[in-house]
């Protein structure tokens, strides 16, 4: 149980952020982060529960650790898109903003600004 306690704050941020992204119509980031989390979870579950792939056999504790790792990966993916002042930042790409239907991207920019002080 103490493995999962570490990820509550990161998981709360991830759930909130993916909800915001879905609300403004940016579902691909949430989809890809969830898919990556699922694949990481399956990989580490197999390794840590059964002791395969050179990992220790941990049983139920291994499942908790695998879930924690998967959630942290998901958190990292989501965080990359909300880090201000990056040239690869999703919200700095004018083509994305034009394609998303938000014109000059004011709505998306306001969400990013509300999440991070610039």
N, C-alpha and C. Protein backbone atom coordinates (compact mmCIF):
# COMPACT_ATOMS: atom_id res chain seq x y z
N UNK A 1 0.82 -1.19 0.00
CA UNK A 1 0.00 0.00 0.00
C UNK A 1 0.87 1.26 0.00
N UNK A 2 2.01 1.23 0.64
CA UNK A 2 2.83 2.43 0.68
C UNK A 2 3.43 2.76 -0.68
N UNK A 3 3.47 1.82 -1.61
CA UNK A 3 3.92 2.13 -2.96
C UNK A 3 2.95 3.09 -3.64
N UNK A 4 1.68 2.82 -3.51
CA UNK A 4 0.66 3.62 -4.20
C UNK A 4 0.47 4.99 -3.58
N UNK A 5 0.80 5.15 -2.31
CA UNK A 5 0.64 6.44 -1.66
C UNK A 5 1.48 7.54 -2.29
N UNK A 6 2.57 7.17 -2.92
CA UNK A 6 3.47 8.15 -3.53
C UNK A 6 2.83 8.84 -4.74
N UNK A 7 1.96 8.16 -5.43
CA UNK A 7 1.48 8.68 -6.72
C UNK A 7 0.17 9.46 -6.64
N UNK A 8 -0.41 9.61 -5.46
CA UNK A 8 -1.71 10.27 -5.39
C UNK A 8 -1.67 11.70 -5.93
N UNK A 9 -0.68 12.46 -5.58
CA UNK A 9 -0.59 13.84 -6.06
C UNK A 9 -0.39 13.89 -7.58
N UNK A 10 0.52 13.07 -8.08
CA UNK A 10 0.75 13.02 -9.52
C UNK A 10 -0.50 12.55 -10.26
N UNK A 11 -1.20 11.57 -9.70
CA UNK A 11 -2.41 11.05 -10.33
C UNK A 11 -3.51 12.11 -10.34
N UNK A 12 -3.63 12.87 -9.26
CA UNK A 12 -4.63 13.94 -9.22
C UNK A 12 -4.35 14.98 -10.32
N UNK A 13 -3.08 15.36 -10.49
CA UNK A 13 -2.70 16.30 -11.54
C UNK A 13 -3.02 15.72 -12.91
N UNK A 14 -2.70 14.45 -13.11
CA UNK A 14 -2.92 13.81 -14.41
C UNK A 14 -4.40 13.75 -14.74
N UNK A 15 -5.22 13.35 -13.79
CA UNK A 15 -6.67 13.24 -14.04
C UNK A 15 -7.25 14.61 -14.35
N UNK A 16 -6.86 15.61 -13.58
CA UNK A 16 -7.37 16.96 -13.80
C UNK A 16 -6.93 17.49 -15.16
N UNK A 17 -5.67 17.31 -15.48
CA UNK A 17 -5.14 17.82 -16.74
C UNK A 17 -5.76 17.13 -17.94
N UNK A 18 -5.89 15.81 -17.89
CA UNK A 18 -6.51 15.11 -19.02
C UNK A 18 -7.97 15.50 -19.17
N UNK A 19 -8.65 15.78 -18.08
CA UNK A 19 -10.03 16.26 -18.18
C UNK A 19 -10.09 17.62 -18.86
N UNK A 20 -9.15 18.50 -18.51
CA UNK A 20 -9.09 19.81 -19.16
C UNK A 20 -8.81 19.64 -20.65
N UNK A 21 -7.85 18.79 -20.98
CA UNK A 21 -7.51 18.58 -22.39
C UNK A 21 -8.69 18.02 -23.17
N UNK A 22 -9.42 17.09 -22.58
CA UNK A 22 -10.60 16.53 -23.26
C UNK A 22 -11.68 17.58 -23.43
N UNK A 23 -11.83 18.45 -22.44
CA UNK A 23 -12.85 19.49 -22.49
C UNK A 23 -12.61 20.45 -23.64
N UNK A 24 -11.35 20.80 -23.88
CA UNK A 24 -11.05 21.74 -24.97
C UNK A 24 -10.86 21.03 -26.30
N UNK A 25 -11.11 19.73 -26.35
CA UNK A 25 -11.07 19.00 -27.61
C UNK A 25 -9.71 18.45 -27.99
N UNK A 26 -8.78 18.41 -27.06
CA UNK A 26 -7.44 17.86 -27.34
C UNK A 26 -7.36 16.47 -26.73
N UNK A 27 -7.99 15.51 -27.38
CA UNK A 27 -8.08 14.17 -26.79
C UNK A 27 -6.88 13.29 -27.11
N UNK A 28 -6.10 13.62 -28.12
CA UNK A 28 -4.99 12.74 -28.51
C UNK A 28 -3.93 12.63 -27.43
N UNK A 29 -3.62 13.73 -26.76
CA UNK A 29 -2.60 13.69 -25.71
C UNK A 29 -3.05 12.79 -24.57
N UNK A 30 -4.30 12.95 -24.16
CA UNK A 30 -4.84 12.10 -23.10
C UNK A 30 -4.87 10.64 -23.53
N UNK A 31 -5.23 10.40 -24.78
CA UNK A 31 -5.27 9.04 -25.30
C UNK A 31 -3.89 8.40 -25.30
N UNK A 32 -2.90 9.11 -25.83
CA UNK A 32 -1.56 8.56 -25.93
C UNK A 32 -0.91 8.37 -24.56
N UNK A 33 -1.16 9.28 -23.63
CA UNK A 33 -0.59 9.11 -22.30
C UNK A 33 -1.23 7.93 -21.58
N UNK A 34 -2.52 7.75 -21.75
CA UNK A 34 -3.20 6.61 -21.13
C UNK A 34 -2.75 5.30 -21.77
N UNK A 35 -2.58 5.28 -23.08
CA UNK A 35 -2.11 4.09 -23.78
C UNK A 35 -0.69 3.73 -23.35
N UNK A 36 0.18 4.73 -23.25
CA UNK A 36 1.56 4.48 -22.79
C UNK A 36 1.55 3.94 -21.36
N UNK A 37 0.70 4.50 -20.52
CA UNK A 37 0.60 4.03 -19.13
C UNK A 37 0.13 2.57 -19.08
N UNK A 38 -0.82 2.24 -19.93
CA UNK A 38 -1.32 0.86 -19.98
C UNK A 38 -0.22 -0.12 -20.39
N UNK A 39 0.52 0.24 -21.43
CA UNK A 39 1.59 -0.64 -21.91
C UNK A 39 2.70 -0.80 -20.87
N UNK A 40 3.07 0.29 -20.21
CA UNK A 40 4.09 0.23 -19.16
C UNK A 40 3.60 -0.62 -18.00
N UNK A 41 2.33 -0.46 -17.65
CA UNK A 41 1.76 -1.24 -16.55
C UNK A 41 1.75 -2.73 -16.86
N UNK A 42 1.35 -3.10 -18.06
CA UNK A 42 1.34 -4.52 -18.44
C UNK A 42 2.75 -5.09 -18.42
N UNK A 43 3.71 -4.36 -18.97
CA UNK A 43 5.09 -4.82 -18.99
C UNK A 43 5.63 -5.06 -17.58
N UNK A 44 5.48 -4.05 -16.73
CA UNK A 44 6.02 -4.18 -15.37
C UNK A 44 5.20 -5.14 -14.51
N UNK A 45 3.90 -5.25 -14.75
CA UNK A 45 3.12 -6.26 -14.03
C UNK A 45 3.66 -7.65 -14.31
N UNK A 46 3.87 -7.94 -15.57
CA UNK A 46 4.39 -9.25 -15.95
C UNK A 46 5.74 -9.50 -15.30
N UNK A 47 6.61 -8.53 -15.36
CA UNK A 47 7.95 -8.70 -14.81
C UNK A 47 7.98 -8.76 -13.29
N UNK A 48 7.26 -7.87 -12.64
CA UNK A 48 7.37 -7.77 -11.18
C UNK A 48 6.47 -8.75 -10.43
N UNK A 49 5.36 -9.13 -10.98
CA UNK A 49 4.51 -10.12 -10.30
C UNK A 49 5.12 -11.51 -10.38
N UNK A 50 5.54 -11.89 -11.57
CA UNK A 50 6.03 -13.26 -11.78
C UNK A 50 7.54 -13.40 -11.76
N UNK A 51 8.27 -12.31 -11.63
CA UNK A 51 9.73 -12.38 -11.60
C UNK A 51 10.34 -12.69 -12.96
N UNK A 52 9.74 -12.20 -14.00
CA UNK A 52 10.24 -12.42 -15.36
C UNK A 52 11.09 -11.23 -15.82
N UNK A 53 11.78 -11.41 -16.93
CA UNK A 53 12.57 -10.35 -17.57
C UNK A 53 13.65 -9.79 -16.65
N UNK A 54 14.16 -10.61 -15.77
CA UNK A 54 15.23 -10.20 -14.88
C UNK A 54 14.78 -9.36 -13.69
N UNK A 55 13.51 -9.25 -13.48
CA UNK A 55 12.98 -8.47 -12.36
C UNK A 55 12.69 -9.40 -11.18
N UNK A 56 12.68 -8.85 -9.96
CA UNK A 56 12.39 -9.69 -8.80
C UNK A 56 10.92 -10.09 -8.74
N UNK A 57 10.64 -11.27 -8.23
CA UNK A 57 9.26 -11.72 -8.06
C UNK A 57 8.71 -11.09 -6.79
N UNK A 58 7.72 -10.23 -6.95
CA UNK A 58 7.20 -9.47 -5.81
C UNK A 58 5.73 -9.71 -5.53
N UNK A 59 5.03 -10.40 -6.40
CA UNK A 59 3.61 -10.67 -6.18
C UNK A 59 2.77 -9.41 -6.21
N UNK A 60 1.91 -9.25 -5.19
CA UNK A 60 0.99 -8.12 -5.12
C UNK A 60 1.75 -6.79 -5.00
N UNK A 61 2.84 -6.79 -4.24
CA UNK A 61 3.65 -5.57 -4.13
C UNK A 61 4.22 -5.17 -5.49
N UNK A 62 4.54 -6.15 -6.32
CA UNK A 62 5.02 -5.87 -7.67
C UNK A 62 3.94 -5.22 -8.53
N UNK A 63 2.69 -5.66 -8.34
CA UNK A 63 1.59 -5.03 -9.07
C UNK A 63 1.43 -3.57 -8.67
N UNK A 64 1.56 -3.30 -7.37
CA UNK A 64 1.47 -1.92 -6.89
C UNK A 64 2.61 -1.08 -7.44
N UNK A 65 3.80 -1.62 -7.43
CA UNK A 65 4.96 -0.89 -7.95
C UNK A 65 4.82 -0.64 -9.45
N UNK A 66 4.32 -1.63 -10.18
CA UNK A 66 4.11 -1.47 -11.62
C UNK A 66 3.09 -0.38 -11.91
N UNK A 67 2.04 -0.33 -11.11
CA UNK A 67 1.02 0.70 -11.27
C UNK A 67 1.61 2.07 -10.98
N UNK A 68 2.44 2.17 -9.95
CA UNK A 68 3.07 3.43 -9.61
C UNK A 68 3.97 3.91 -10.76
N UNK A 69 4.75 3.01 -11.31
CA UNK A 69 5.63 3.37 -12.43
C UNK A 69 4.81 3.83 -13.63
N UNK A 70 3.73 3.12 -13.92
CA UNK A 70 2.88 3.48 -15.06
C UNK A 70 2.24 4.85 -14.86
N UNK A 71 1.78 5.12 -13.66
CA UNK A 71 1.17 6.43 -13.38
C UNK A 71 2.19 7.55 -13.46
N UNK A 72 3.40 7.29 -13.03
CA UNK A 72 4.45 8.32 -13.12
C UNK A 72 4.83 8.59 -14.57
N UNK A 73 4.81 7.55 -15.41
CA UNK A 73 5.06 7.74 -16.84
C UNK A 73 3.95 8.59 -17.46
N UNK A 74 2.73 8.30 -17.10
CA UNK A 74 1.60 9.08 -17.59
C UNK A 74 1.71 10.54 -17.13
N UNK A 75 2.07 10.73 -15.88
CA UNK A 75 2.27 12.08 -15.34
C UNK A 75 3.35 12.82 -16.12
N UNK A 76 4.45 12.14 -16.43
CA UNK A 76 5.56 12.76 -17.15
C UNK A 76 5.12 13.18 -18.56
N UNK A 77 4.38 12.32 -19.23
CA UNK A 77 3.92 12.64 -20.59
C UNK A 77 3.01 13.86 -20.58
N UNK A 78 2.07 13.89 -19.66
CA UNK A 78 1.14 15.01 -19.56
C UNK A 78 1.88 16.30 -19.19
N UNK A 79 2.82 16.19 -18.27
CA UNK A 79 3.56 17.37 -17.81
C UNK A 79 4.37 18.00 -18.94
N UNK A 80 4.90 17.20 -19.84
CA UNK A 80 5.69 17.72 -20.96
C UNK A 80 4.88 18.72 -21.78
N UNK A 81 3.59 18.49 -21.93
CA UNK A 81 2.77 19.36 -22.74
C UNK A 81 2.31 20.61 -22.01
N UNK A 82 2.55 20.68 -20.71
CA UNK A 82 2.14 21.84 -19.94
C UNK A 82 3.32 22.65 -19.43
N UNK A 83 4.53 22.27 -19.79
CA UNK A 83 5.70 23.03 -19.34
C UNK A 83 5.81 24.28 -20.21
N UNK A 84 5.76 25.44 -19.59
CA UNK A 84 5.88 26.66 -20.39
C UNK A 84 7.29 26.88 -20.90
N UNK A 85 7.41 27.74 -21.91
CA UNK A 85 8.69 28.15 -22.49
C UNK A 85 9.47 27.01 -23.12
N UNK A 86 8.80 26.11 -23.77
CA UNK A 86 9.45 25.05 -24.54
C UNK A 86 9.05 25.23 -25.99
N UNK A 87 9.99 25.07 -26.88
CA UNK A 87 9.67 25.24 -28.30
C UNK A 87 8.76 24.13 -28.80
N UNK A 88 8.82 22.94 -28.18
CA UNK A 88 7.98 21.83 -28.61
C UNK A 88 6.64 21.82 -27.90
N UNK A 89 6.39 22.81 -27.05
CA UNK A 89 5.17 22.85 -26.27
C UNK A 89 3.96 22.84 -27.20
N UNK A 90 2.98 22.05 -26.85
CA UNK A 90 1.79 21.90 -27.67
C UNK A 90 1.12 23.25 -27.91
N UNK A 91 1.06 24.07 -26.89
CA UNK A 91 0.31 25.31 -26.99
C UNK A 91 1.08 26.43 -27.68
N UNK A 92 2.34 26.20 -27.97
CA UNK A 92 3.09 27.21 -28.72
C UNK A 92 3.07 26.93 -30.21
N UNK A 93 2.50 25.82 -30.61
CA UNK A 93 2.43 25.45 -32.02
C UNK A 93 1.20 26.09 -32.65
N UNK A 94 1.41 27.11 -33.45
CA UNK A 94 0.29 27.85 -34.04
C UNK A 94 -0.53 26.97 -34.99
N UNK A 95 0.11 25.98 -35.62
CA UNK A 95 -0.66 25.09 -36.50
C UNK A 95 -1.66 24.30 -35.69
N UNK A 96 -1.26 23.82 -34.51
CA UNK A 96 -2.20 23.10 -33.65
C UNK A 96 -3.36 24.01 -33.26
N UNK A 97 -3.04 25.24 -32.88
CA UNK A 97 -4.08 26.15 -32.43
C UNK A 97 -5.06 26.46 -33.55
N UNK A 98 -4.55 26.60 -34.77
CA UNK A 98 -5.42 26.89 -35.90
C UNK A 98 -6.30 25.68 -36.22
N UNK A 99 -5.74 24.46 -36.13
CA UNK A 99 -6.48 23.25 -36.45
C UNK A 99 -7.49 22.89 -35.37
N UNK A 100 -7.23 23.32 -34.14
CA UNK A 100 -8.10 22.92 -33.03
C UNK A 100 -9.41 23.69 -33.01
N UNK A 101 -9.52 24.73 -33.82
CA UNK A 101 -10.76 25.48 -33.86
C UNK A 101 -10.82 26.60 -32.84
N UNK A 102 -9.70 26.91 -32.21
CA UNK A 102 -9.69 27.96 -31.20
C UNK A 102 -9.12 29.26 -31.75
N UNK A 103 -9.10 29.41 -33.04
CA UNK A 103 -8.62 30.64 -33.64
C UNK A 103 -7.18 30.93 -33.26
N UNK A 104 -7.00 31.97 -32.47
CA UNK A 104 -5.64 32.31 -32.06
C UNK A 104 -5.21 31.56 -30.80
N UNK A 105 -6.05 30.67 -30.30
CA UNK A 105 -5.67 29.82 -29.19
C UNK A 105 -5.83 30.46 -27.83
N UNK A 106 -6.66 31.48 -27.71
CA UNK A 106 -6.78 32.17 -26.43
C UNK A 106 -7.29 31.25 -25.33
N UNK A 107 -8.25 30.39 -25.62
CA UNK A 107 -8.80 29.50 -24.60
C UNK A 107 -7.73 28.54 -24.09
N UNK A 108 -7.00 27.91 -25.00
CA UNK A 108 -5.96 26.97 -24.62
C UNK A 108 -4.85 27.69 -23.86
N UNK A 109 -4.51 28.90 -24.30
CA UNK A 109 -3.48 29.67 -23.62
C UNK A 109 -3.90 30.01 -22.19
N UNK A 110 -5.16 30.36 -22.00
CA UNK A 110 -5.64 30.70 -20.67
C UNK A 110 -5.59 29.49 -19.74
N UNK A 111 -5.87 28.31 -20.26
CA UNK A 111 -5.79 27.09 -19.44
C UNK A 111 -4.36 26.85 -19.02
N UNK A 112 -3.41 27.00 -19.96
CA UNK A 112 -2.01 26.80 -19.61
C UNK A 112 -1.56 27.84 -18.60
N UNK A 113 -1.97 29.07 -18.80
CA UNK A 113 -1.57 30.14 -17.88
C UNK A 113 -2.17 29.92 -16.49
N UNK A 114 -3.36 29.35 -16.41
CA UNK A 114 -3.97 29.07 -15.11
C UNK A 114 -3.22 27.96 -14.38
N UNK A 115 -2.64 27.04 -15.14
CA UNK A 115 -1.93 25.91 -14.53
C UNK A 115 -0.52 26.29 -14.08
N UNK A 116 0.13 27.19 -14.78
CA UNK A 116 1.50 27.55 -14.48
C UNK A 116 1.68 29.04 -14.50
N UNK A 117 2.32 29.56 -13.51
CA UNK A 117 2.65 30.97 -13.48
C UNK A 117 3.82 31.19 -14.42
N UNK A 118 3.71 32.14 -15.30
CA UNK A 118 4.78 32.38 -16.26
C UNK A 118 5.69 33.47 -15.82
